[in-house]
Amino acid sequence: MTCFGMKKKNEFSLFNMDERNRLVAYRIIAIMYFSTITAITGIVLYRQFGLHQEIEQFEDLAIIMTVNSLFLISALLFFGAIPFQKIRIRTILLGYLVFVILGCLFTYFKYNVFQEPGLSWTEFFDKMIIVASVTGLMVVFFILMQSLGKWKADREIID
């Protein structure tokens, strides 16, 4: 019998776990997720540099891996798993700069060390414009998700 406003708990649910079992399940899920993303990354790098395949031959895996990683980080920010107390402009700019430098280094090594013809300086700077703009869009998206998550948590506290 349920009273008005009370929800009846499903007693026969497979996912009806106590907090301890739920934490163990979350850890297993996180480990499997991380190992899957790592394996896909390894497959993409092996196909590109080991087998010397063109990007078109494994572009679907690269897109799935990129979108999945972006959604993971966004969800972690939105639900508060990555805690940010206050957004500071200096921290955002420093993070953006670090990601742009890492993107530049990866692009340089990808085209000039692992591939024969290499890039000219104008081609390299064209790639850097792409890296800087995509990184900027990612940072703006992450800030938006973190702000929405903080707003959601504040509303839950008030209600």
Protein backbone atom coordinates (compact mmCIF):
# COMPACT_ATOMS: atom_id res chain seq x y z
CA MET A 1 0.00 0.00 0.00
CA THR A 2 1.34 3.41 -0.90
CA CYS A 3 0.31 6.76 0.41
CA PHE A 4 -0.26 9.81 -1.73
CA GLY A 5 3.08 11.13 -3.02
CA MET A 6 5.08 8.02 -2.13
CA LYS A 7 6.58 5.87 -4.82
CA LYS A 8 6.48 2.11 -4.52
CA LYS A 9 9.95 0.61 -4.65
CA ASN A 10 10.39 -2.28 -7.05
CA GLU A 11 11.46 -5.15 -4.82
CA PHE A 12 12.43 -7.48 -7.66
CA SER A 13 14.68 -5.12 -9.60
CA LEU A 14 18.12 -6.37 -10.56
CA PHE A 15 19.52 -2.90 -9.91
CA ASN A 16 18.13 -2.60 -6.39
CA MET A 17 21.49 -2.35 -4.62
CA ASP A 18 22.67 -0.82 -1.40
CA GLU A 19 25.26 1.97 -1.43
CA ARG A 20 28.25 -0.35 -1.05
CA ASN A 21 27.27 -2.57 -3.98
CA ARG A 22 26.42 0.48 -6.07
CA LEU A 23 29.90 1.96 -5.45
CA VAL A 24 31.53 -1.33 -6.47
CA ALA A 25 29.41 -1.39 -9.64
CA TYR A 26 30.36 2.21 -10.42
CA ARG A 27 34.05 1.39 -10.03
CA ILE A 28 33.75 -1.59 -12.35
CA ILE A 29 31.87 0.51 -14.90
CA ALA A 30 34.53 3.25 -14.70
CA ILE A 31 37.38 0.76 -15.14
CA MET A 32 35.69 -0.89 -18.11
CA TYR A 33 34.89 2.48 -19.69
CA PHE A 34 38.48 3.66 -19.29
CA SER A 35 39.88 0.40 -20.69
CA THR A 36 37.50 0.61 -23.69
CA ILE A 37 38.51 4.19 -24.52
CA THR A 38 42.19 3.26 -24.08
CA ALA A 39 41.76 0.24 -26.38
CA ILE A 40 40.03 2.34 -29.06
CA THR A 41 42.83 4.91 -28.81
CA GLY A 42 45.41 2.16 -29.21
CA ILE A 43 43.58 0.74 -32.22
CA VAL A 44 43.37 4.15 -33.89
CA LEU A 45 47.08 4.88 -33.29
CA TYR A 46 48.10 1.40 -34.50
CA ARG A 47 46.03 1.72 -37.66
CA GLN A 48 47.42 5.17 -38.38
CA PHE A 49 51.10 4.68 -37.55
CA GLY A 50 51.59 0.89 -37.54
CA LEU A 51 49.56 -0.03 -40.59
CA HIS A 52 49.92 3.41 -42.27
CA GLN A 53 46.22 3.53 -43.11
CA GLU A 54 44.59 6.70 -44.30
CA ILE A 55 42.40 8.58 -41.84
CA GLU A 56 39.29 7.76 -43.88
CA GLN A 57 39.76 4.06 -43.03
CA PHE A 58 39.39 4.58 -39.27
CA GLU A 59 37.68 7.96 -39.08
CA ASP A 60 34.52 6.41 -37.60
CA LEU A 61 36.46 5.07 -34.61
CA ALA A 62 38.17 8.42 -34.10
CA ILE A 63 34.85 10.28 -34.18
CA ILE A 64 33.21 7.86 -31.73
CA MET A 65 36.20 8.12 -29.38
CA THR A 66 36.27 11.93 -29.53
CA VAL A 67 32.54 12.42 -29.04
CA ASN A 68 32.47 9.84 -26.26
CA SER A 69 35.35 11.53 -24.43
CA LEU A 70 33.70 14.95 -24.78
CA PHE A 71 30.41 13.63 -23.42
CA LEU A 72 32.21 11.92 -20.54
CA ILE A 73 33.98 15.10 -19.46
CA SER A 74 30.78 17.11 -19.91
CA ALA A 75 28.77 14.66 -17.81
CA LEU A 76 31.43 14.63 -15.10
CA LEU A 77 31.34 18.43 -15.00
CA PHE A 78 27.53 18.60 -15.09
CA PHE A 79 26.96 16.08 -12.30
CA GLY A 80 29.75 17.46 -10.11
CA ALA A 81 32.19 14.55 -10.28
CA ILE A 82 34.90 17.05 -11.24
CA PRO A 83 34.45 19.67 -8.54
CA PHE A 84 35.04 23.28 -9.42
CA GLN A 85 34.33 25.76 -6.69
CA LYS A 86 34.77 28.87 -8.76
CA ILE A 87 35.59 29.48 -12.39
CA ARG A 88 38.66 31.67 -12.64
CA ILE A 89 39.61 33.30 -15.92
CA ARG A 90 43.30 32.62 -15.30
CA THR A 91 42.66 28.88 -14.81
CA ILE A 92 40.52 28.71 -17.95
CA LEU A 93 43.14 30.51 -20.03
CA LEU A 94 45.94 28.37 -18.63
CA GLY A 95 44.00 25.17 -19.38
CA TYR A 96 43.20 26.42 -22.88
CA LEU A 97 46.86 27.27 -23.48
CA VAL A 98 48.02 23.85 -22.24
CA PHE A 99 45.55 22.05 -24.52
CA VAL A 100 46.54 24.18 -27.52
CA ILE A 101 50.24 23.46 -26.88
CA LEU A 102 49.54 19.73 -26.53
CA GLY A 103 47.49 19.82 -29.74
CA CYS A 104 50.28 21.65 -31.55
CA LEU A 105 52.89 19.16 -30.35
CA PHE A 106 50.73 16.19 -31.31
CA THR A 107 50.04 17.68 -34.74
CA TYR A 108 53.72 18.44 -35.31
CA PHE A 109 54.81 14.92 -34.37
CA LYS A 110 51.96 13.34 -36.32
CA TYR A 111 52.77 15.07 -39.60
CA ASN A 112 56.50 15.79 -39.38
CA VAL A 113 57.93 12.84 -37.45
CA PHE A 114 55.66 9.89 -38.23
CA GLN A 115 54.89 10.75 -41.86
CA GLU A 116 57.42 11.21 -44.61
CA PRO A 117 56.63 14.37 -46.55
CA GLY A 118 55.88 16.49 -43.49
CA LEU A 119 54.13 19.85 -43.41
CA SER A 120 55.33 23.23 -44.57
CA TRP A 121 55.12 26.09 -42.06
CA THR A 122 52.00 27.52 -43.70
CA GLU A 123 50.26 24.13 -43.60
CA PHE A 124 51.34 23.71 -39.98
CA PHE A 125 49.93 27.12 -39.00
CA ASP A 126 46.68 26.29 -40.82
CA LYS A 127 46.43 23.16 -38.67
CA MET A 128 47.18 25.23 -35.56
CA ILE A 129 44.25 27.54 -36.32
CA ILE A 130 42.02 24.48 -36.41
CA VAL A 131 43.50 23.14 -33.15
CA ALA A 132 43.06 26.52 -31.40
CA SER A 133 39.47 26.99 -32.57
CA VAL A 134 38.33 23.44 -31.74
CA THR A 135 40.01 23.66 -28.33
CA GLY A 136 38.28 26.99 -27.71
CA LEU A 137 34.90 25.49 -28.56
CA MET A 138 35.57 22.57 -26.23
CA VAL A 139 36.52 24.88 -23.36
CA VAL A 140 33.39 27.00 -23.87
CA PHE A 141 31.25 23.84 -23.95
CA PHE A 142 32.87 22.50 -20.76
CA ILE A 143 32.35 25.83 -18.98
CA LEU A 144 28.71 25.82 -20.06
CA MET A 145 28.17 22.27 -18.79
CA GLN A 146 29.89 23.05 -15.47
CA SER A 147 27.81 26.20 -15.03
CA LEU A 148 24.58 24.35 -15.82
CA GLY A 149 25.54 21.61 -13.36
CA LYS A 150 26.26 24.15 -10.65
CA TRP A 151 22.95 25.89 -11.36
CA LYS A 152 21.14 22.52 -11.18
CA ALA A 153 22.81 21.65 -7.86
CA ASP A 154 21.94 25.08 -6.42
CA ARG A 155 18.30 24.62 -7.44
CA GLU A 156 18.20 21.17 -5.82
CA ILE A 157 19.56 22.63 -2.58
CA ILE A 158 16.93 25.39 -2.61
CA ASP A 159 14.06 22.93 -3.32
